[in-house]
C-alpha atoms as a PDB file:
ATOM      1  CA  MET A   1      81.967  79.919 -33.540  1.00  0.00           C
ATOM      2  CA  PRO A   2      78.811  81.622 -34.628  1.00  0.00           C
ATOM      3  CA  ALA A   3      76.079  81.985 -32.148  1.00  0.00           C
ATOM      4  CA  TYR A   4      72.364  82.836 -32.872  1.00  0.00           C
ATOM      5  CA  TYR A   5      70.378  83.513 -29.031  1.00  0.00           C
ATOM      6  CA  LEU A   6      66.419  82.824 -30.731  1.00  0.00           C
ATOM      7  CA  ASP A   7      63.693  83.824 -29.071  1.00  0.00           C
ATOM      8  CA  SER A   8      60.790  81.797 -28.619  1.00  0.00           C
ATOM      9  CA  SER A   9      59.437  82.543 -32.413  1.00  0.00           C
ATOM     10  CA  ALA A  10      62.164  81.002 -34.104  1.00  0.00           C
ATOM     11  CA  VAL A  11      62.788  78.238 -32.178  1.00  0.00           C
ATOM     12  CA  VAL A  12      58.883  77.002 -31.968  1.00  0.00           C
ATOM     13  CA  LYS A  13      60.020  76.767 -36.005  1.00  0.00           C
ATOM     14  CA  GLY A  14      62.055  73.736 -35.002  1.00  0.00           C
ATOM     15  CA  TYR A  15      59.768  71.396 -33.538  1.00  0.00           C
ATOM     16  CA  ALA A  16      55.830  72.196 -35.348  1.00  0.00           C
ATOM     17  CA  ALA A  17      56.516  72.960 -39.224  1.00  0.00           C
ATOM     18  CA  GLU A  18      56.033  76.624 -39.971  1.00  0.00           C
ATOM     19  CA  GLN A  19      57.230  79.344 -42.451  1.00  0.00           C
ATOM     20  CA  GLY A  20      60.920  79.261 -41.734  1.00  0.00           C
ATOM     21  CA  SER A  21      61.412  76.732 -40.493  1.00  0.00           C
ATOM     22  CA  GLU A  22      63.921  74.739 -42.233  1.00  0.00           C
ATOM     23  CA  ARG A  23      66.925  77.328 -40.953  1.00  0.00           C
ATOM     24  CA  ILE A  24      65.756  76.243 -38.127  1.00  0.00           C
ATOM     25  CA  VAL A  25      65.685  72.995 -38.273  1.00  0.00           C
ATOM     26  CA  GLN A  26      69.247  73.831 -39.858  1.00  0.00           C
ATOM     27  CA  LEU A  27      71.134  75.434 -37.327  1.00  0.00           C
ATOM     28  CA  LEU A  28      69.708  72.096 -34.583  1.00  0.00           C
ATOM     29  CA  GLU A  29      71.232  70.174 -36.501  1.00  0.00           C
ATOM     30  CA  GLU A  30      73.786  68.344 -34.711  1.00  0.00           C
ATOM     31  CA  GLY A  31      77.301  68.420 -35.308  1.00  0.00           C
ATOM     32  CA  ALA A  32      76.896  72.417 -36.575  1.00  0.00           C
ATOM     33  CA  GLU A  33      79.323  74.730 -35.203  1.00  0.00           C
ATOM     34  CA  HIS A  34      77.955  76.927 -33.822  1.00  0.00           C
ATOM     35  CA  GLU A  35      76.283  77.858 -30.546  1.00  0.00           C
ATOM     36  CA  LEU A  36      72.436  78.482 -29.646  1.00  0.00           C
ATOM     37  CA  TYR A  37      71.092  80.447 -26.931  1.00  0.00           C
ATOM     38  CA  LEU A  38      67.523  80.359 -25.573  1.00  0.00           C
ATOM     39  CA  SER A  39      65.896  82.087 -22.429  1.00  0.00           C
ATOM     40  CA  ARG A  40      64.593  79.876 -19.958  1.00  0.00           C
ATOM     41  CA  ILE A  41      60.896  82.658 -20.325  1.00  0.00           C
ATOM     42  CA  GLY A  42      61.489  81.945 -24.311  1.00  0.00           C
ATOM     43  CA  MET A  43      60.845  78.048 -23.272  1.00  0.00           C
ATOM     44  CA  VAL A  44      57.768  78.921 -21.833  1.00  0.00           C
ATOM     45  CA  GLU A  45      56.781  80.744 -24.587  1.00  0.00           C
ATOM     46  CA  MET A  46      57.253  78.080 -26.879  1.00  0.00           C
ATOM     47  CA  ALA A  47      56.079  75.625 -25.306  1.00  0.00           C
ATOM     48  CA  ALA A  48      52.802  77.893 -25.002  1.00  0.00           C
ATOM     49  CA  ALA A  49      53.011  78.545 -28.547  1.00  0.00           C
ATOM     50  CA  LEU A  50      52.470  74.908 -29.291  1.00  0.00           C
ATOM     51  CA  PHE A  51      49.920  74.368 -26.943  1.00  0.00           C
ATOM     52  CA  SER A  52      47.844  77.496 -28.812  1.00  0.00           C
ATOM     53  CA  LYS A  53      48.558  74.968 -32.163  1.00  0.00           C
ATOM     54  CA  VAL A  54      46.713  72.427 -30.177  1.00  0.00           C
ATOM     55  CA  LYS A  55      43.582  75.486 -29.633  1.00  0.00           C
ATOM     56  CA  THR A  56      43.285  76.288 -33.028  1.00  0.00           C
ATOM     57  CA  GLY A  57      43.842  72.708 -34.734  1.00  0.00           C
ATOM     58  CA  GLU A  58      47.006  73.231 -36.146  1.00  0.00           C
ATOM     59  CA  LEU A  59      48.725  70.332 -33.878  1.00  0.00           C
ATOM     60  CA  GLU A  60      47.862  67.350 -32.519  1.00  0.00           C
ATOM     61  CA  ILE A  61      48.125  67.221 -29.447  1.00  0.00           C
ATOM     62  CA  GLY A  62      50.465  64.343 -29.302  1.00  0.00           C
ATOM     63  CA  ARG A  63      52.662  65.629 -31.463  1.00  0.00           C
ATOM     64  CA  THR A  64      52.918  68.549 -29.484  1.00  0.00           C
ATOM     65  CA  VAL A  65      53.596  66.865 -26.118  1.00  0.00           C
ATOM     66  CA  SER A  66      55.986  65.616 -28.102  1.00  0.00           C
ATOM     67  CA  ALA A  67      57.471  68.358 -29.319  1.00  0.00           C
ATOM     68  CA  VAL A  68      58.238  70.092 -26.388  1.00  0.00           C
ATOM     69  CA  ALA A  69      59.635  66.889 -24.467  1.00  0.00           C
ATOM     70  CA  LEU A  70      62.263  67.211 -27.010  1.00  0.00           C
ATOM     71  CA  LEU A  71      62.937  70.997 -26.399  1.00  0.00           C
ATOM     72  CA  ARG A  72      63.780  69.798 -22.708  1.00  0.00           C
ATOM     73  CA  GLU A  73      65.598  67.226 -24.244  1.00  0.00           C
ATOM     74  CA  ASP A  74      67.103  69.537 -26.579  1.00  0.00           C
ATOM     75  CA  VAL A  75      68.131  72.838 -23.119  1.00  0.00           C
ATOM     76  CA  ASP A  76      70.640  70.212 -21.742  1.00  0.00           C
ATOM     77  CA  ALA A  77      71.962  69.296 -25.119  1.00  0.00           C
ATOM     78  CA  VAL A  78      71.984  72.094 -27.128  1.00  0.00           C
ATOM     79  CA  TYR A  79      70.571  75.199 -26.177  1.00  0.00           C
ATOM     80  CA  GLN A  80      72.996  77.636 -23.805  1.00  0.00           C
ATOM     81  CA  VAL A  81      69.876  79.084 -21.583  1.00  0.00           C
ATOM     82  CA  VAL A  82      69.895  82.029 -20.272  1.00  0.00           C
ATOM     83  CA  GLU A  83      68.698  82.699 -17.246  1.00  0.00           C
ATOM     84  CA  VAL A  84      67.157  85.709 -16.196  1.00  0.00           C
ATOM     85  CA  ASP A  85      68.642  87.224 -13.790  1.00  0.00           C
ATOM     86  CA  PRO A  86      67.757  91.042 -11.161  1.00  0.00           C
ATOM     87  CA  VAL A  87      70.654  91.776 -13.847  1.00  0.00           C
ATOM     88  CA  THR A  88      68.550  90.511 -16.726  1.00  0.00           C
ATOM     89  CA  ALA A  89      65.076  92.577 -14.881  1.00  0.00           C
ATOM     90  CA  GLU A  90      66.055  95.541 -13.857  1.00  0.00           C
ATOM     91  CA  GLU A  91      67.515  95.886 -17.995  1.00  0.00           C
ATOM     92  CA  ALA A  92      64.586  94.339 -19.570  1.00  0.00           C
ATOM     93  CA  ILE A  93      62.758  97.433 -17.821  1.00  0.00           C
ATOM     94  CA  GLU A  94      64.908  99.732 -19.665  1.00  0.00           C
ATOM     95  CA  VAL A  95      63.994  98.243 -22.661  1.00  0.00           C
ATOM     96  CA  ALA A  96      60.438  98.116 -22.136  1.00  0.00           C
ATOM     97  CA  GLU A  97      60.937 102.541 -21.348  1.00  0.00           C
ATOM     98  CA  ARG A  98      62.666 102.419 -24.613  1.00  0.00           C
ATOM     99  CA  HIS A  99      61.217 100.693 -26.871  1.00  0.00           C
ATOM    100  CA  GLU A 100      57.974 100.135 -25.107  1.00  0.00           C
ATOM    101  CA  LEU A 101      57.427  96.464 -25.736  1.00  0.00           C
ATOM    102  CA  PRO A 102      55.179  93.954 -23.222  1.00  0.00           C
ATOM    103  CA  ALA A 103      57.071  92.063 -21.102  1.00  0.00           C
ATOM    104  CA  TYR A 104      58.800  88.940 -22.501  1.00  0.00           C
ATOM    105  CA  ASN A 105      59.481  90.785 -25.867  1.00  0.00           C
ATOM    106  CA  CYS A 106      61.895  93.352 -23.088  1.00  0.00           C
ATOM    107  CA  LEU A 107      63.307  90.022 -21.577  1.00  0.00           C
ATOM    108  CA  GLN A 108      63.768  88.818 -25.259  1.00  0.00           C
ATOM    109  CA  LEU A 109      65.382  91.402 -26.609  1.00  0.00           C
ATOM    110  CA  HIS A 110      67.401  92.042 -23.564  1.00  0.00           C
ATOM    111  CA  CYS A 111      69.455  88.363 -23.358  1.00  0.00           C
END
């Protein structure tokens, strides 16, 4: 069974229309025969990305609140959530050292 790790920039496409949303929506369809992984931090990033769209006028607040609520439901039903533990954090530090990326990117890439 295929497995996909989705970072927040991919996950947000499943909850707000953006370029590439069609593919993510397909992955989220019920009965799909694959596993989807998302980090706990990715959930926060995704919610923040959606709420920033409210500030720019790209999304209405009601739609954003509904999308974040759906994400919370999907976390239990759709995604395998990757937690950030001490080992993950240490390995993300190594990613930071090698690639000089922002902190969340290092954690996402490690997962």
